[in-house]
Amino acid sequence: MQIQERIKNFEEKHKIKTTPEFRCLDLISEAGEVAKEILKMTKYGKEKNFLANESIEMEIGDLLFSLLCLANNFNIDLEKALDKSLKGYEKRIAEKGTPAHI
């Protein structure tokens, strides 16, 4: 089953479908929780050798859930959106080289 369909069914089953505005705020909140977990894992940047743990896995899962819900709100096929994004990156890399943030 496609992941977006799985999320759509989950939202319907549990009656948690909501507005795109709420999902967007939820997505931002979850991104903040991922950042907080990374800060804790790295002892606020002091620890360079760290391993992923169950907490970061859970937070990234929550972030993905929020993103999938938001995409579903707008009927966006995330695979197609990713393909378009990758083509854009390829074009920029071909024109300017590999940016440091990729």
PDB file of N, CA and C in Angstrom:
ATOM      1  N   MET A   1       0.846  -1.184   0.000  1.00  0.00           N
ATOM      2  CA  MET A   1       0.000   0.000   0.000  1.00  0.00           C
ATOM      3  C   MET A   1       0.887   1.241   0.000  1.00  0.00           C
ATOM      4  N   GLN A   2       0.546   2.174  -0.834  1.00  0.00           N
ATOM      5  CA  GLN A   2       1.307   3.422  -0.905  1.00  0.00           C
ATOM      6  C   GLN A   2       1.230   4.139   0.447  1.00  0.00           C
ATOM      7  N   ILE A   3       2.326   4.739   0.839  1.00  0.00           N
ATOM      8  CA  ILE A   3       2.415   5.360   2.159  1.00  0.00           C
ATOM      9  C   ILE A   3       1.386   6.480   2.342  1.00  0.00           C
ATOM     10  N   GLN A   4       1.144   7.279   1.319  1.00  0.00           N
ATOM     11  CA  GLN A   4       0.162   8.353   1.456  1.00  0.00           C
ATOM     12  C   GLN A   4      -1.249   7.791   1.628  1.00  0.00           C
ATOM     13  N   GLU A   5      -1.544   6.714   0.955  1.00  0.00           N
ATOM     14  CA  GLU A   5      -2.847   6.068   1.111  1.00  0.00           C
ATOM     15  C   GLU A   5      -2.980   5.499   2.521  1.00  0.00           C
ATOM     16  N   ARG A   6      -1.904   4.949   3.018  1.00  0.00           N
ATOM     17  CA  ARG A   6      -1.895   4.407   4.388  1.00  0.00           C
ATOM     18  C   ARG A   6      -2.228   5.500   5.402  1.00  0.00           C
ATOM     19  N   ILE A   7      -1.639   6.673   5.222  1.00  0.00           N
ATOM     20  CA  ILE A   7      -1.885   7.794   6.130  1.00  0.00           C
ATOM     21  C   ILE A   7      -3.323   8.291   5.987  1.00  0.00           C
ATOM     22  N   LYS A   8      -3.797   8.381   4.758  1.00  0.00           N
ATOM     23  CA  LYS A   8      -5.183   8.809   4.514  1.00  0.00           C
ATOM     24  C   LYS A   8      -6.155   7.886   5.245  1.00  0.00           C
ATOM     25  N   ASN A   9      -5.945   6.584   5.120  1.00  0.00           N
ATOM     26  CA  ASN A   9      -6.804   5.604   5.792  1.00  0.00           C
ATOM     27  C   ASN A   9      -6.711   5.733   7.314  1.00  0.00           C
ATOM     28  N   PHE A  10      -5.518   5.993   7.827  1.00  0.00           N
ATOM     29  CA  PHE A  10      -5.318   6.141   9.262  1.00  0.00           C
ATOM     30  C   PHE A  10      -6.081   7.361   9.784  1.00  0.00           C
ATOM     31  N   GLU A  11      -5.973   8.473   9.049  1.00  0.00           N
ATOM     32  CA  GLU A  11      -6.688   9.692   9.450  1.00  0.00           C
ATOM     33  C   GLU A  11      -8.196   9.459   9.467  1.00  0.00           C
ATOM     34  N   GLU A  12      -8.700   8.789   8.448  1.00  0.00           N
ATOM     35  CA  GLU A  12     -10.133   8.525   8.364  1.00  0.00           C
ATOM     36  C   GLU A  12     -10.591   7.578   9.469  1.00  0.00           C
ATOM     37  N   LYS A  13      -9.829   6.522   9.689  1.00  0.00           N
ATOM     38  CA  LYS A  13     -10.179   5.531  10.710  1.00  0.00           C
ATOM     39  C   LYS A  13     -10.275   6.169  12.094  1.00  0.00           C
ATOM     40  N   HIS A  14      -9.313   7.049  12.405  1.00  0.00           N
ATOM     41  CA  HIS A  14      -9.247   7.647  13.736  1.00  0.00           C
ATOM     42  C   HIS A  14      -9.898   9.032  13.815  1.00  0.00           C
ATOM     43  N   LYS A  15     -10.504   9.445  12.700  1.00  0.00           N
ATOM     44  CA  LYS A  15     -11.214  10.724  12.633  1.00  0.00           C
ATOM     45  C   LYS A  15     -10.323  11.889  13.098  1.00  0.00           C
ATOM     46  N   ILE A  16      -9.121  11.948  12.518  1.00  0.00           N
ATOM     47  CA  ILE A  16      -8.173  13.016  12.890  1.00  0.00           C
ATOM     48  C   ILE A  16      -7.811  13.900  11.698  1.00  0.00           C
ATOM     49  N   LYS A  17      -8.580  13.820  10.646  1.00  0.00           N
ATOM     50  CA  LYS A  17      -8.325  14.690   9.498  1.00  0.00           C
ATOM     51  C   LYS A  17      -8.597  16.129   9.924  1.00  0.00           C
ATOM     52  N   THR A  18      -7.721  17.038   9.512  1.00  0.00           N
ATOM     53  CA  THR A  18      -7.847  18.437   9.907  1.00  0.00           C
ATOM     54  C   THR A  18      -7.419  19.348   8.765  1.00  0.00           C
ATOM     55  N   THR A  19      -7.368  20.623   9.020  1.00  0.00           N
ATOM     56  CA  THR A  19      -7.085  21.616   7.985  1.00  0.00           C
ATOM     57  C   THR A  19      -5.600  21.661   7.637  1.00  0.00           C
ATOM     58  N   PRO A  20      -5.288  22.154   6.432  1.00  0.00           N
ATOM     59  CA  PRO A  20      -3.876  22.314   6.055  1.00  0.00           C
ATOM     60  C   PRO A  20      -3.139  23.279   6.988  1.00  0.00           C
ATOM     61  N   GLU A  21      -3.842  24.305   7.462  1.00  0.00           N
ATOM     62  CA  GLU A  21      -3.189  25.270   8.364  1.00  0.00           C
ATOM     63  C   GLU A  21      -2.699  24.576   9.638  1.00  0.00           C
ATOM     64  N   PHE A  22      -3.550  23.723  10.209  1.00  0.00           N
ATOM     65  CA  PHE A  22      -3.152  22.988  11.408  1.00  0.00           C
ATOM     66  C   PHE A  22      -2.001  22.046  11.088  1.00  0.00           C
ATOM     67  N   ARG A  23      -2.094  21.334   9.974  1.00  0.00           N
ATOM     68  CA  ARG A  23      -1.036  20.383   9.615  1.00  0.00           C
ATOM     69  C   ARG A  23       0.296  21.098   9.395  1.00  0.00           C
ATOM     70  N   CYS A  24       0.236  22.288   8.818  1.00  0.00           N
ATOM     71  CA  CYS A  24       1.468  23.049   8.605  1.00  0.00           C
ATOM     72  C   CYS A  24       2.103  23.428   9.940  1.00  0.00           C
ATOM     73  N   LEU A  25       1.295  23.912  10.865  1.00  0.00           N
ATOM     74  CA  LEU A  25       1.815  24.247  12.199  1.00  0.00           C
ATOM     75  C   LEU A  25       2.348  23.002  12.903  1.00  0.00           C
ATOM     76  N   ASP A  26       1.653  21.887  12.743  1.00  0.00           N
ATOM     77  CA  ASP A  26       2.091  20.634  13.340  1.00  0.00           C
ATOM     78  C   ASP A  26       3.430  20.195  12.744  1.00  0.00           C
ATOM     79  N   LEU A  27       3.579  20.372  11.439  1.00  0.00           N
ATOM     80  CA  LEU A  27       4.830  20.021  10.761  1.00  0.00           C
ATOM     81  C   LEU A  27       5.997  20.839  11.325  1.00  0.00           C
ATOM     82  N   ILE A  28       5.779  22.121  11.501  1.00  0.00           N
ATOM     83  CA  ILE A  28       6.818  22.992  12.056  1.00  0.00           C
ATOM     84  C   ILE A  28       7.158  22.577  13.487  1.00  0.00           C
ATOM     85  N   SER A  29       6.129  22.270  14.262  1.00  0.00           N
ATOM     86  CA  SER A  29       6.342  21.828  15.636  1.00  0.00           C
ATOM     87  C   SER A  29       7.162  20.538  15.678  1.00  0.00           C
ATOM     88  N   GLU A  30       6.811  19.600  14.804  1.00  0.00           N
ATOM     89  CA  GLU A  30       7.550  18.329  14.771  1.00  0.00           C
ATOM     90  C   GLU A  30       8.996  18.533  14.325  1.00  0.00           C
ATOM     91  N   ALA A  31       9.222  19.452  13.386  1.00  0.00           N
ATOM     92  CA  ALA A  31      10.606  19.750  12.973  1.00  0.00           C
ATOM     93  C   ALA A  31      11.398  20.296  14.156  1.00  0.00           C
ATOM     94  N   GLY A  32      10.762  21.119  14.965  1.00  0.00           N
ATOM     95  CA  GLY A  32      11.414  21.634  16.168  1.00  0.00           C
ATOM     96  C   GLY A  32      11.765  20.522  17.146  1.00  0.00           C
ATOM     97  N   GLU A  33      10.883  19.537  17.261  1.00  0.00           N
ATOM     98  CA  GLU A  33      11.161  18.412  18.154  1.00  0.00           C
ATOM     99  C   GLU A  33      12.323  17.563  17.640  1.00  0.00           C
ATOM    100  N   VAL A  34      12.442  17.425  16.317  1.00  0.00           N
ATOM    101  CA  VAL A  34      13.596  16.719  15.744  1.00  0.00           C
ATOM    102  C   VAL A  34      14.878  17.481  16.087  1.00  0.00           C
ATOM    103  N   ALA A  35      14.848  18.800  15.887  1.00  0.00           N
ATOM    104  CA  ALA A  35      16.024  19.622  16.192  1.00  0.00           C
ATOM    105  C   ALA A  35      16.404  19.515  17.668  1.00  0.00           C
ATOM    106  N   LYS A  36      15.412  19.560  18.539  1.00  0.00           N
ATOM    107  CA  LYS A  36      15.673  19.450  19.980  1.00  0.00           C
ATOM    108  C   LYS A  36      16.323  18.113  20.314  1.00  0.00           C
ATOM    109  N   GLU A  37      15.816  17.048  19.711  1.00  0.00           N
ATOM    110  CA  GLU A  37      16.377  15.712  19.971  1.00  0.00           C
ATOM    111  C   GLU A  37      17.829  15.626  19.488  1.00  0.00           C
ATOM    112  N   ILE A  38      18.114  16.225  18.338  1.00  0.00           N
ATOM    113  CA  ILE A  38      19.489  16.223  17.825  1.00  0.00           C
ATOM    114  C   ILE A  38      20.398  17.015  18.762  1.00  0.00           C
ATOM    115  N   LEU A  39      19.915  18.142  19.259  1.00  0.00           N
ATOM    116  CA  LEU A  39      20.703  18.917  20.225  1.00  0.00           C
ATOM    117  C   LEU A  39      21.018  18.084  21.462  1.00  0.00           C
ATOM    118  N   LYS A  40      20.034  17.367  21.973  1.00  0.00           N
ATOM    119  CA  LYS A  40      20.253  16.521  23.144  1.00  0.00           C
ATOM    120  C   LYS A  40      21.240  15.400  22.828  1.00  0.00           C
ATOM    121  N   MET A  41      21.085  14.765  21.656  1.00  0.00           N
ATOM    122  CA  MET A  41      21.953  13.655  21.273  1.00  0.00           C
ATOM    123  C   MET A  41      23.408  14.090  21.145  1.00  0.00           C
ATOM    124  N   THR A  42      23.617  15.336  20.682  1.00  0.00           N
ATOM    125  CA  THR A  42      24.972  15.834  20.445  1.00  0.00           C
ATOM    126  C   THR A  42      25.497  16.654  21.620  1.00  0.00           C
ATOM    127  N   LYS A  43      24.728  16.632  22.724  1.00  0.00           N
ATOM    128  CA  LYS A  43      25.107  17.444  23.887  1.00  0.00           C
ATOM    129  C   LYS A  43      25.344  18.886  23.455  1.00  0.00           C
ATOM    130  N   TYR A  44      24.368  19.387  22.698  1.00  0.00           N
ATOM    131  CA  TYR A  44      24.363  20.760  22.176  1.00  0.00           C
ATOM    132  C   TYR A  44      25.621  21.071  21.361  1.00  0.00           C
ATOM    133  N   GLY A  45      25.947  20.121  20.470  1.00  0.00           N
ATOM    134  CA  GLY A  45      27.037  20.314  19.530  1.00  0.00           C
ATOM    135  C   GLY A  45      28.408  19.909  20.035  1.00  0.00           C
ATOM    136  N   LYS A  46      28.508  19.472  21.266  1.00  0.00           N
ATOM    137  CA  LYS A  46      29.810  19.098  21.844  1.00  0.00           C
ATOM    138  C   LYS A  46      30.217  17.675  21.481  1.00  0.00           C
ATOM    139  N   GLU A  47      29.247  16.814  21.272  1.00  0.00           N
ATOM    140  CA  GLU A  47      29.505  15.412  20.957  1.00  0.00           C
ATOM    141  C   GLU A  47      29.426  15.211  19.455  1.00  0.00           C
ATOM    142  N   LYS A  48      30.519  14.787  18.849  1.00  0.00           N
ATOM    143  CA  LYS A  48      30.550  14.592  17.398  1.00  0.00           C
ATOM    144  C   LYS A  48      30.235  13.153  17.005  1.00  0.00           C
ATOM    145  N   ASN A  49      30.492  12.221  17.891  1.00  0.00           N
ATOM    146  CA  ASN A  49      30.235  10.813  17.609  1.00  0.00           C
ATOM    147  C   ASN A  49      28.989  10.379  18.360  1.00  0.00           C
ATOM    148  N   PHE A  50      27.872  10.385  17.675  1.00  0.00           N
ATOM    149  CA  PHE A  50      26.625   9.979  18.308  1.00  0.00           C
ATOM    150  C   PHE A  50      25.875   9.065  17.360  1.00  0.00           C
ATOM    151  N   LEU A  51      25.014   8.265  17.922  1.00  0.00           N
ATOM    152  CA  LEU A  51      24.227   7.328  17.135  1.00  0.00           C
ATOM    153  C   LEU A  51      22.754   7.674  17.265  1.00  0.00           C
ATOM    154  N   ALA A  52      22.021   7.392  16.221  1.00  0.00           N
ATOM    155  CA  ALA A  52      20.575   7.574  16.281  1.00  0.00           C
ATOM    156  C   ALA A  52      20.018   6.684  17.378  1.00  0.00           C
ATOM    157  N   ASN A  53      18.980   7.167  18.020  1.00  0.00           N
ATOM    158  CA  ASN A  53      18.344   6.375  19.062  1.00  0.00           C
ATOM    159  C   ASN A  53      16.842   6.311  18.802  1.00  0.00           C
ATOM    160  N   GLU A  54      16.125   5.646  19.683  1.00  0.00           N
ATOM    161  CA  GLU A  54      14.690   5.468  19.487  1.00  0.00           C
ATOM    162  C   GLU A  54      13.949   6.807  19.502  1.00  0.00           C
ATOM    163  N   SER A  55      14.424   7.757  20.297  1.00  0.00           N
ATOM    164  CA  SER A  55      13.754   9.058  20.381  1.00  0.00           C
ATOM    165  C   SER A  55      13.814   9.804  19.058  1.00  0.00           C
ATOM    166  N   ILE A  56      14.982   9.841  18.424  1.00  0.00           N
ATOM    167  CA  ILE A  56      15.092  10.565  17.148  1.00  0.00           C
ATOM    168  C   ILE A  56      14.299   9.839  16.069  1.00  0.00           C
ATOM    169  N   GLU A  57      14.291   8.523  16.116  1.00  0.00           N
ATOM    170  CA  GLU A  57      13.506   7.750  15.150  1.00  0.00           C
ATOM    171  C   GLU A  57      12.023   8.091  15.283  1.00  0.00           C
ATOM    172  N   MET A  58      11.538   8.172  16.508  1.00  0.00           N
ATOM    173  CA  MET A  58      10.136   8.499  16.751  1.00  0.00           C
ATOM    174  C   MET A  58       9.820   9.922  16.287  1.00  0.00           C
ATOM    175  N   GLU A  59      10.708  10.868  16.587  1.00  0.00           N
ATOM    176  CA  GLU A  59      10.469  12.260  16.198  1.00  0.00           C
ATOM    177  C   GLU A  59      10.464  12.421  14.673  1.00  0.00           C
ATOM    178  N   ILE A  60      11.370  11.731  13.998  1.00  0.00           N
ATOM    179  CA  ILE A  60      11.392  11.796  12.534  1.00  0.00           C
ATOM    180  C   ILE A  60      10.133  11.136  11.963  1.00  0.00           C
ATOM    181  N   GLY A  61       9.674  10.072  12.604  1.00  0.00           N
ATOM    182  CA  GLY A  61       8.416   9.448  12.193  1.00  0.00           C
ATOM    183  C   GLY A  61       7.240  10.403  12.338  1.00  0.00           C
ATOM    184  N   ASP A  62       7.213  11.157  13.445  1.00  0.00           N
ATOM    185  CA  ASP A  62       6.155  12.149  13.647  1.00  0.00           C
ATOM    186  C   ASP A  62       6.224  13.243  12.588  1.00  0.00           C
ATOM    187  N   LEU A  63       7.431  13.663  12.258  1.00  0.00           N
ATOM    188  CA  LEU A  63       7.629  14.685  11.232  1.00  0.00           C
ATOM    189  C   LEU A  63       7.129  14.180   9.873  1.00  0.00           C
ATOM    190  N   LEU A  64       7.466  12.956   9.544  1.00  0.00           N
ATOM    191  CA  LEU A  64       7.018  12.359   8.283  1.00  0.00           C
ATOM    192  C   LEU A  64       5.495  12.251   8.240  1.00  0.00           C
ATOM    193  N   PHE A  65       4.893  11.831   9.347  1.00  0.00           N
ATOM    194  CA  PHE A  65       3.440  11.732   9.418  1.00  0.00           C
ATOM    195  C   PHE A  65       2.798  13.085   9.113  1.00  0.00           C
ATOM    196  N   SER A  66       3.308  14.142   9.732  1.00  0.00           N
ATOM    197  CA  SER A  66       2.752  15.480   9.510  1.00  0.00           C
ATOM    198  C   SER A  66       2.916  15.924   8.062  1.00  0.00           C
ATOM    199  N   LEU A  67       4.072  15.630   7.475  1.00  0.00           N
ATOM    200  CA  LEU A  67       4.307  15.985   6.078  1.00  0.00           C
ATOM    201  C   LEU A  67       3.363  15.225   5.151  1.00  0.00           C
ATOM    202  N   LEU A  68       3.188  13.937   5.405  1.00  0.00           N
ATOM    203  CA  LEU A  68       2.286  13.132   4.584  1.00  0.00           C
ATOM    204  C   LEU A  68       0.851  13.632   4.695  1.00  0.00           C
ATOM    205  N   CYS A  69       0.419  13.983   5.898  1.00  0.00           N
ATOM    206  CA  CYS A  69      -0.931  14.519   6.081  1.00  0.00           C
ATOM    207  C   CYS A  69      -1.092  15.825   5.312  1.00  0.00           C
ATOM    208  N   LEU A  70      -0.088  16.697   5.395  1.00  0.00           N
ATOM    209  CA  LEU A  70      -0.166  17.982   4.702  1.00  0.00           C
ATOM    210  C   LEU A  70      -0.229  17.776   3.188  1.00  0.00           C
ATOM    211  N   ALA A  71       0.608  16.909   2.679  1.00  0.00           N
ATOM    212  CA  ALA A  71       0.583  16.615   1.240  1.00  0.00           C
ATOM    213  C   ALA A  71      -0.787  16.077   0.823  1.00  0.00           C
ATOM    214  N   ASN A  72      -1.351  15.214   1.650  1.00  0.00           N
ATOM    215  CA  ASN A  72      -2.672  14.660   1.347  1.00  0.00           C
ATOM    216  C   ASN A  72      -3.742  15.751   1.346  1.00  0.00           C
ATOM    217  N   ASN A  73      -3.613  16.728   2.254  1.00  0.00           N
ATOM    218  CA  ASN A  73      -4.572  17.839   2.273  1.00  0.00           C
ATOM    219  C   ASN A  73      -4.634  18.547   0.922  1.00  0.00           C
ATOM    220  N   PHE A  74      -3.498  18.638   0.262  1.00  0.00           N
ATOM    221  CA  PHE A  74      -3.418  19.350  -1.019  1.00  0.00           C
ATOM    222  C   PHE A  74      -3.435  18.409  -2.227  1.00  0.00           C
ATOM    223  N   ASN A  75      -3.668  17.114  -1.976  1.00  0.00           N
ATOM    224  CA  ASN A  75      -3.663  16.112  -3.049  1.00  0.00           C
ATOM    225  C   ASN A  75      -2.361  16.142  -3.841  1.00  0.00           C
ATOM    226  N   ILE A  76      -1.269  16.268  -3.137  1.00  0.00           N
ATOM    227  CA  ILE A  76       0.056  16.270  -3.762  1.00  0.00           C
ATOM    228  C   ILE A  76       0.646  14.871  -3.674  1.00  0.00           C
ATOM    229  N   ASP A  77       1.038  14.339  -4.811  1.00  0.00           N
ATOM    230  CA  ASP A  77       1.735  13.054  -4.863  1.00  0.00           C
ATOM    231  C   ASP A  77       3.195  13.344  -4.516  1.00  0.00           C
ATOM    232  N   LEU A  78       3.624  12.879  -3.352  1.00  0.00           N
ATOM    233  CA  LEU A  78       4.973  13.213  -2.892  1.00  0.00           C
ATOM    234  C   LEU A  78       6.075  12.618  -3.761  1.00  0.00           C
ATOM    235  N   GLU A  79       5.831  11.494  -4.392  1.00  0.00           N
ATOM    236  CA  GLU A  79       6.844  10.942  -5.299  1.00  0.00           C
ATOM    237  C   GLU A  79       7.056  11.863  -6.490  1.00  0.00           C
ATOM    238  N   LYS A  80       5.964  12.367  -7.048  1.00  0.00           N
ATOM    239  CA  LYS A  80       6.076  13.299  -8.172  1.00  0.00           C
ATOM    240  C   LYS A  80       6.730  14.606  -7.719  1.00  0.00           C
ATOM    241  N   ALA A  81       6.349  15.086  -6.538  1.00  0.00           N
ATOM    242  CA  ALA A  81       6.938  16.315  -6.015  1.00  0.00           C
ATOM    243  C   ALA A  81       8.438  16.143  -5.794  1.00  0.00           C
ATOM    244  N   LEU A  82       8.837  14.982  -5.279  1.00  0.00           N
ATOM    245  CA  LEU A  82      10.263  14.702  -5.066  1.00  0.00           C
ATOM    246  C   LEU A  82      11.001  14.626  -6.395  1.00  0.00           C
ATOM    247  N   ASP A  83      10.409  13.995  -7.382  1.00  0.00           N
ATOM    248  CA  ASP A  83      11.036  13.926  -8.708  1.00  0.00           C
ATOM    249  C   ASP A  83      11.294  15.325  -9.261  1.00  0.00           C
ATOM    250  N   LYS A  84      10.305  16.217  -9.140  1.00  0.00           N
ATOM    251  CA  LYS A  84      10.471  17.596  -9.608  1.00  0.00           C
ATOM    252  C   LYS A  84      11.584  18.297  -8.837  1.00  0.00           C
ATOM    253  N   SER A  85      11.613  18.083  -7.534  1.00  0.00           N
ATOM    254  CA  SER A  85      12.636  18.704  -6.703  1.00  0.00           C
ATOM    255  C   SER A  85      14.037  18.216  -7.087  1.00  0.00           C
ATOM    256  N   LEU A  86      14.175  16.913  -7.292  1.00  0.00           N
ATOM    257  CA  LEU A  86      15.475  16.355  -7.671  1.00  0.00           C
ATOM    258  C   LEU A  86      15.948  16.895  -9.019  1.00  0.00           C
ATOM    259  N   LYS A  87      15.036  17.057  -9.952  1.00  0.00           N
ATOM    260  CA  LYS A  87      15.397  17.639 -11.251  1.00  0.00           C
ATOM    261  C   LYS A  87      15.891  19.071 -11.063  1.00  0.00           C
ATOM    262  N   GLY A  88      15.243  19.804 -10.177  1.00  0.00           N
ATOM    263  CA  GLY A  88      15.686  21.165  -9.889  1.00  0.00           C
ATOM    264  C   GLY A  88      17.087  21.195  -9.281  1.00  0.00           C
ATOM    265  N   TYR A  89      17.337  20.274  -8.347  1.00  0.00           N
ATOM    266  CA  TYR A  89      18.677  20.180  -7.753  1.00  0.00           C
ATOM    267  C   TYR A  89      19.714  19.831  -8.805  1.00  0.00           C
ATOM    268  N   GLU A  90      19.385  18.864  -9.670  1.00  0.00           N
ATOM    269  CA  GLU A  90      20.320  18.463 -10.725  1.00  0.00           C
ATOM    270  C   GLU A  90      20.673  19.641 -11.622  1.00  0.00           C
ATOM    271  N   LYS A  91      19.676  20.435 -11.968  1.00  0.00           N
ATOM    272  CA  LYS A  91      19.902  21.603 -12.825  1.00  0.00           C
ATOM    273  C   LYS A  91      20.825  22.604 -12.131  1.00  0.00           C
ATOM    274  N   ARG A  92      20.544  22.895 -10.851  1.00  0.00           N
ATOM    275  CA  ARG A  92      21.380  23.846 -10.109  1.00  0.00           C
ATOM    276  C   ARG A  92      22.801  23.341  -9.937  1.00  0.00           C
ATOM    277  N   ILE A  93      22.938  22.054  -9.672  1.00  0.00           N
ATOM    278  CA  ILE A  93      24.272  21.478  -9.505  1.00  0.00           C
ATOM    279  C   ILE A  93      25.047  21.549 -10.816  1.00  0.00           C
ATOM    280  N   ALA A  94      24.373  21.255 -11.926  1.00  0.00           N
ATOM    281  CA  ALA A  94      25.019  21.321 -13.241  1.00  0.00           C
ATOM    282  C   ALA A  94      25.467  22.744 -13.553  1.00  0.00           C
ATOM    283  N   GLU A  95      24.667  23.714 -13.140  1.00  0.00           N
ATOM    284  CA  GLU A  95      24.987  25.119 -13.438  1.00  0.00           C
ATOM    285  C   GLU A  95      26.003  25.721 -12.476  1.00  0.00           C
ATOM    286  N   LYS A  96      25.907  25.365 -11.176  1.00  0.00           N
ATOM    287  CA  LYS A  96      26.699  26.057 -10.154  1.00  0.00           C
ATOM    288  C   LYS A  96      27.608  25.151  -9.344  1.00  0.00           C
ATOM    289  N   GLY A  97      27.566  23.859  -9.554  1.00  0.00           N
ATOM    290  CA  GLY A  97      28.331  22.942  -8.715  1.00  0.00           C
ATOM    291  C   GLY A  97      27.508  22.541  -7.508  1.00  0.00           C
ATOM    292  N   THR A  98      28.063  21.680  -6.700  1.00  0.00           N
ATOM    293  CA  THR A  98      27.350  21.170  -5.539  1.00  0.00           C
ATOM    294  C   THR A  98      27.384  22.188  -4.402  1.00  0.00           C
ATOM    295  N   PRO A  99      26.216  22.697  -4.015  1.00  0.00           N
ATOM    296  CA  PRO A  99      26.180  23.631  -2.885  1.00  0.00           C
ATOM    297  C   PRO A  99      26.499  22.919  -1.583  1.00  0.00           C
ATOM    298  N   ALA A 100      26.986  23.651  -0.617  1.00  0.00           N
ATOM    299  CA  ALA A 100      27.371  23.060   0.668  1.00  0.00           C
ATOM    300  C   ALA A 100      26.181  22.522   1.441  1.00  0.00           C
ATOM    301  N   HIS A 101      24.980  23.045   1.220  1.00  0.00           N
ATOM    302  CA  HIS A 101      23.829  22.632   2.013  1.00  0.00           C
ATOM    303  C   HIS A 101      23.127  21.371   1.489  1.00  0.00           C
ATOM    304  N   ILE A 102      23.595  20.787   0.411  1.00  0.00           N
ATOM    305  CA  ILE A 102      22.957  19.565  -0.098  1.00  0.00           C
ATOM    306  C   ILE A 102      23.670  18.358   0.456  1.00  0.00           C
TER     307      ILE A 102
END
